[in-house]
């Protein structure tokens, strides 16, 4: 197959959508991933998918406005796919932040090398563990499948899709916030029991330094509850990925209608 202008233009569109998706994704969009690696991965995926997908580019644009509009459409579609799936890991990090507050570890901040922001200890632990689970369940393959499917269901975003994107994004955020609370619920329940017990002890023995005794007790009991509840994170990540893909499917269906 000869490389003509139409084929190069189709590759450009796939490259833009793929690079936008990877930039917004929870893995390849990390700040600690070298730029050269991101470019090579994007070029490899785009080159492979261009011949498989064969996107209907509608011909090479003859003016700069049409070219800019087409590239903008691809950017929106790619960012949409990457963002909907990256929110799953943000839910795990939110659950870890809830746990840190309950255990009294919220003041301990460390640098998240993925996002380049300061997060609490358990939040970072939950995020990294969820990232490993994300890879283990082949969710990165699901992301690539969504990219391929988007060319058949949503060749280019339109203004009519904005209400569907807003509705599904808000719904996804609500469901993932509830998921984060459910993941943190075991530790929160144990912390409430410990707080109640410390309150009773404080009333019964006023001269005891409840705070000095209570903090190590809350951390110890919280760690035990966190260890016992760790398998639930696997189901949580799987459920979150399903929520993200279902929300994307609804956006695609809105385009089809």
Protein backbone atom coordinates (compact mmCIF):
# COMPACT_ATOMS: atom_id res chain seq x y z
CA UNK A 1 0.00 0.00 0.00
CA UNK A 2 1.42 3.33 -1.04
CA UNK A 3 1.61 6.13 1.48
CA UNK A 4 -0.47 8.92 0.00
CA UNK A 5 -1.89 12.09 1.52
CA UNK A 6 -5.17 10.43 2.57
CA UNK A 7 -3.37 7.64 4.43
CA UNK A 8 -1.05 10.08 6.16
CA UNK A 9 -4.02 12.22 7.18
CA UNK A 10 -5.82 9.17 8.59
CA UNK A 11 -2.68 8.27 10.56
CA UNK A 12 -2.52 11.82 11.89
CA UNK A 13 -6.09 11.61 13.17
CA UNK A 14 -5.47 8.26 14.84
CA UNK A 15 -2.23 9.56 16.35
CA UNK A 16 -3.96 12.61 17.83
CA UNK A 17 -6.82 10.60 19.34
CA UNK A 18 -4.48 7.91 20.66
CA UNK A 19 -2.02 10.42 22.14
CA UNK A 20 -4.86 12.33 23.83
CA UNK A 21 -6.21 9.09 25.29
CA UNK A 22 -2.81 8.00 26.60
CA UNK A 23 -2.13 11.47 28.00
CA UNK A 24 -5.36 11.30 30.04
CA UNK A 25 -4.94 7.62 30.96
CA UNK A 26 -3.77 6.54 34.42
CA UNK A 27 -0.65 4.74 33.16
CA UNK A 28 0.96 6.36 30.16
CA UNK A 29 -0.05 9.83 31.26
CA UNK A 30 2.09 9.63 34.40
CA UNK A 31 4.66 12.36 34.86
CA UNK A 32 7.43 9.85 35.56
CA UNK A 33 7.03 8.23 32.11
CA UNK A 34 9.65 9.71 29.73
CA UNK A 35 8.29 11.73 26.85
CA UNK A 36 10.23 9.63 24.34
CA UNK A 37 8.53 6.47 25.61
CA UNK A 38 5.11 8.10 25.28
CA UNK A 39 5.84 9.17 21.71
CA UNK A 40 7.18 5.74 20.66
CA UNK A 41 4.21 3.90 22.19
CA UNK A 42 1.73 6.28 20.58
CA UNK A 43 3.43 5.98 17.18
CA UNK A 44 3.42 2.17 17.40
CA UNK A 45 -0.24 1.94 18.41
CA UNK A 46 -1.32 4.52 15.83
CA UNK A 47 0.59 2.85 13.02
CA UNK A 48 -0.97 -0.50 13.85
CA UNK A 49 -4.50 0.82 14.22
CA UNK A 50 -4.51 3.04 11.14
CA UNK A 51 -4.58 0.04 8.79
CA UNK A 52 -7.04 -1.88 11.00
CA UNK A 53 -9.52 0.89 11.77
CA UNK A 54 -9.19 2.75 8.47
CA UNK A 55 -11.01 5.80 9.84
CA UNK A 56 -13.31 7.65 7.49
CA UNK A 57 -11.42 10.92 7.41
CA UNK A 58 -13.65 12.39 4.75
CA UNK A 59 -10.72 13.37 2.58
CA UNK A 60 -7.75 15.61 3.20
CA UNK A 61 -8.91 19.08 4.31
CA UNK A 62 -8.10 21.90 1.94
CA UNK A 63 -7.92 24.68 4.53
CA UNK A 64 -6.43 25.21 7.98
CA UNK A 65 -9.81 25.70 9.70
CA UNK A 66 -11.08 22.25 8.70
CA UNK A 67 -7.80 20.64 9.73
CA UNK A 68 -7.85 22.37 13.12
CA UNK A 69 -11.47 21.36 13.69
CA UNK A 70 -10.72 17.71 12.86
CA UNK A 71 -7.72 17.63 15.21
CA UNK A 72 -9.84 19.24 17.93
CA UNK A 73 -12.47 16.53 17.50
CA UNK A 74 -9.83 13.83 17.88
CA UNK A 75 -8.43 15.46 21.02
CA UNK A 76 -11.86 15.57 22.65
CA UNK A 77 -12.58 11.92 21.82
CA UNK A 78 -9.22 10.70 23.12
CA UNK A 79 -9.36 12.72 26.34
CA UNK A 80 -12.89 11.46 26.93
CA UNK A 81 -11.81 7.80 26.80
CA UNK A 82 -8.74 8.28 28.97
CA UNK A 83 -10.53 10.41 31.57
CA UNK A 84 -13.46 8.06 32.09
CA UNK A 85 -11.11 5.19 32.92
CA UNK A 86 -8.58 7.20 34.93
CA UNK A 87 -11.36 8.24 37.31
CA UNK A 88 -11.42 4.64 38.56
CA UNK A 89 -7.99 5.05 40.13
CA UNK A 90 -8.97 8.43 41.50
CA UNK A 91 -11.82 6.69 43.34
CA UNK A 92 -9.30 4.33 44.97
CA UNK A 93 -7.16 7.30 45.96
CA UNK A 94 -10.24 9.04 47.39
CA UNK A 95 -10.98 5.95 49.47
CA UNK A 96 -7.42 6.04 50.80
CA UNK A 97 -7.85 9.72 51.70
CA UNK A 98 -10.99 8.86 53.69
CA UNK A 99 -9.06 6.16 55.53
CA UNK A 100 -6.22 8.55 56.32
CA UNK A 101 -8.67 11.01 57.86
CA UNK A 102 -10.24 8.30 60.00
CA UNK A 103 -6.87 6.93 61.14
CA UNK A 104 -5.35 10.34 61.79
CA UNK A 105 -2.74 10.07 59.04
CA UNK A 106 -4.04 12.83 56.80
CA UNK A 107 -1.26 15.20 57.92
CA UNK A 108 1.41 12.80 56.59
CA UNK A 109 1.92 13.88 52.96
CA UNK A 110 4.10 12.27 50.31
CA UNK A 111 4.64 12.99 46.62
CA UNK A 112 2.62 10.98 44.14
CA UNK A 113 5.06 10.39 41.25
CA UNK A 114 2.18 9.59 38.89
CA UNK A 115 0.32 12.89 39.22
CA UNK A 116 3.08 15.01 40.78
CA UNK A 117 0.89 16.15 43.69
CA UNK A 118 1.04 15.72 47.45
CA UNK A 119 -1.19 12.94 48.80
CA UNK A 120 -1.55 11.15 52.11
CA UNK A 121 0.10 7.80 52.81
CA UNK A 122 -2.82 5.38 52.54
CA UNK A 123 -4.21 7.32 49.55
CA UNK A 124 -0.94 6.75 47.71
CA UNK A 125 -0.91 3.09 48.74
CA UNK A 126 -4.46 2.58 47.49
CA UNK A 127 -3.68 4.36 44.22
CA UNK A 128 -0.58 2.29 43.46
CA UNK A 129 -2.33 -0.95 44.41
CA UNK A 130 -5.31 -0.04 42.24
CA UNK A 131 -2.91 0.69 39.37
CA UNK A 132 -1.43 -2.80 39.68
CA UNK A 133 -4.92 -4.31 39.74
CA UNK A 134 -5.83 -2.15 36.73
CA UNK A 135 -3.02 -3.78 34.76
CA UNK A 136 -3.67 -7.25 36.16
CA UNK A 137 -7.29 -7.31 34.96
CA UNK A 138 -6.17 -6.08 31.51
CA UNK A 139 -8.06 -2.81 31.83
CA UNK A 140 -5.42 -1.18 29.61
CA UNK A 141 -6.56 -3.56 26.87
CA UNK A 142 -10.13 -2.45 27.54
CA UNK A 143 -8.96 1.11 27.00
CA UNK A 144 -7.49 0.22 23.61
CA UNK A 145 -10.68 -1.65 22.69
CA UNK A 146 -12.66 1.47 23.57
CA UNK A 147 -10.37 3.47 21.28
CA UNK A 148 -11.04 1.10 18.39
CA UNK A 149 -14.77 1.01 19.10
CA UNK A 150 -14.92 4.80 19.25
CA UNK A 151 -14.12 5.05 15.52
CA UNK A 152 -17.19 2.99 14.68
CA UNK A 153 -19.57 4.45 17.28
CA UNK A 154 -18.21 8.01 17.49
CA UNK A 155 -16.12 9.02 14.46
CA UNK A 156 -15.99 12.60 15.79
CA UNK A 157 -17.61 14.35 18.76
CA UNK A 158 -20.45 16.71 17.97
CA UNK A 159 -22.15 19.52 19.87
CA UNK A 160 -25.20 17.28 20.31
CA UNK A 161 -23.10 14.98 22.49
CA UNK A 162 -22.29 17.59 25.13
CA UNK A 163 -25.45 16.90 27.24
CA UNK A 164 -24.76 13.15 27.11
CA UNK A 165 -21.12 13.68 28.13
CA UNK A 166 -22.12 15.93 31.03
CA UNK A 167 -24.84 13.57 32.26
CA UNK A 168 -22.70 10.46 32.11
CA UNK A 169 -19.68 12.19 33.63
CA UNK A 170 -21.70 13.43 36.62
CA UNK A 171 -23.29 9.99 37.01
CA UNK A 172 -19.90 8.30 36.86
CA UNK A 173 -18.43 10.68 39.45
CA UNK A 174 -21.38 10.01 41.76
CA UNK A 175 -21.06 6.24 41.42
CA UNK A 176 -17.29 6.29 41.90
CA UNK A 177 -17.62 8.51 44.97
CA UNK A 178 -20.03 5.98 46.44
CA UNK A 179 -17.57 3.22 45.51
CA UNK A 180 -14.78 5.08 47.32
CA UNK A 181 -16.92 5.29 50.46
CA UNK A 182 -17.68 1.57 50.24
CA UNK A 183 -13.97 0.73 49.93
CA UNK A 184 -13.16 2.86 52.98
CA UNK A 185 -16.19 1.65 54.98
CA UNK A 186 -14.46 -1.19 56.94
CA UNK A 187 -11.73 1.08 58.28
CA UNK A 188 -14.25 3.85 58.99
CA UNK A 189 -16.45 1.45 60.94
CA UNK A 190 -13.51 0.23 63.05
CA UNK A 191 -12.44 3.81 63.70
CA UNK A 192 -15.93 4.69 64.89
CA UNK A 193 -15.90 1.75 67.31
CA UNK A 194 -12.47 2.77 68.63
CA UNK A 195 -13.64 6.40 69.03
CA UNK A 196 -16.71 5.23 70.95
CA UNK A 197 -14.58 3.04 73.21
CA UNK A 198 -12.14 5.89 73.84
CA UNK A 199 -15.05 8.18 74.68
CA UNK A 200 -16.31 5.73 77.29
CA UNK A 201 -12.80 5.35 78.73
CA UNK A 202 -12.39 9.13 78.83
CA UNK A 203 -15.58 9.48 80.86
CA UNK A 204 -14.72 6.59 83.18
CA UNK A 205 -11.09 7.60 83.75
CA UNK A 206 -10.82 11.39 83.28
CA UNK A 207 -7.19 11.53 84.35
CA UNK A 208 -6.11 9.25 81.49
CA UNK A 209 -4.58 10.88 78.41
CA UNK A 210 -7.07 9.42 75.96
CA UNK A 211 -5.54 11.14 72.94
CA UNK A 212 -2.08 9.67 73.62
CA UNK A 213 -3.56 6.19 74.02
CA UNK A 214 -6.18 6.52 71.31
CA UNK A 215 -4.01 7.48 68.35
CA UNK A 216 -1.84 4.34 68.39
CA UNK A 217 -4.96 2.25 68.97
CA UNK A 218 -6.77 3.80 66.01
CA UNK A 219 -3.78 3.32 63.74
CA UNK A 220 -3.26 -0.30 64.83
CA UNK A 221 -6.93 -1.27 64.48
CA UNK A 222 -7.19 0.67 61.22
CA UNK A 223 -4.22 -1.21 59.75
CA UNK A 224 -5.79 -4.53 60.73
CA UNK A 225 -9.10 -3.56 59.12
CA UNK A 226 -7.25 -2.26 56.05
CA UNK A 227 -5.41 -5.56 55.67
CA UNK A 228 -8.58 -7.62 56.01
CA UNK A 229 -10.45 -5.45 53.49
CA UNK A 230 -7.72 -5.35 50.83
CA UNK A 231 -9.30 -8.10 48.63
CA UNK A 232 -12.37 -5.87 48.24
CA UNK A 233 -10.24 -3.41 46.28
CA UNK A 234 -9.96 -5.91 43.43
CA UNK A 235 -13.72 -6.09 43.06
CA UNK A 236 -13.89 -2.33 43.45
CA UNK A 237 -11.48 -1.68 40.58
CA UNK A 238 -13.26 -4.20 38.35
CA UNK A 239 -16.60 -2.60 39.13
CA UNK A 240 -15.16 0.86 38.50
CA UNK A 241 -13.78 -0.16 35.10
CA UNK A 242 -17.21 -1.53 34.20
CA UNK A 243 -18.80 1.76 35.25
CA UNK A 244 -16.34 3.71 33.10
CA UNK A 245 -16.85 1.56 30.02
CA UNK A 246 -20.64 1.62 30.43
CA UNK A 247 -20.58 5.41 30.66
CA UNK A 248 -18.48 5.58 27.50
CA UNK A 249 -20.89 3.22 25.75
CA UNK A 250 -23.79 5.49 26.65
CA UNK A 251 -21.94 8.47 25.20
CA UNK A 252 -21.28 6.49 22.02
CA UNK A 253 -24.94 5.48 21.81
CA UNK A 254 -25.94 9.12 22.15
CA UNK A 255 -23.83 9.84 19.06
CA UNK A 256 -25.47 6.95 17.19
CA UNK A 257 -28.92 8.36 17.95
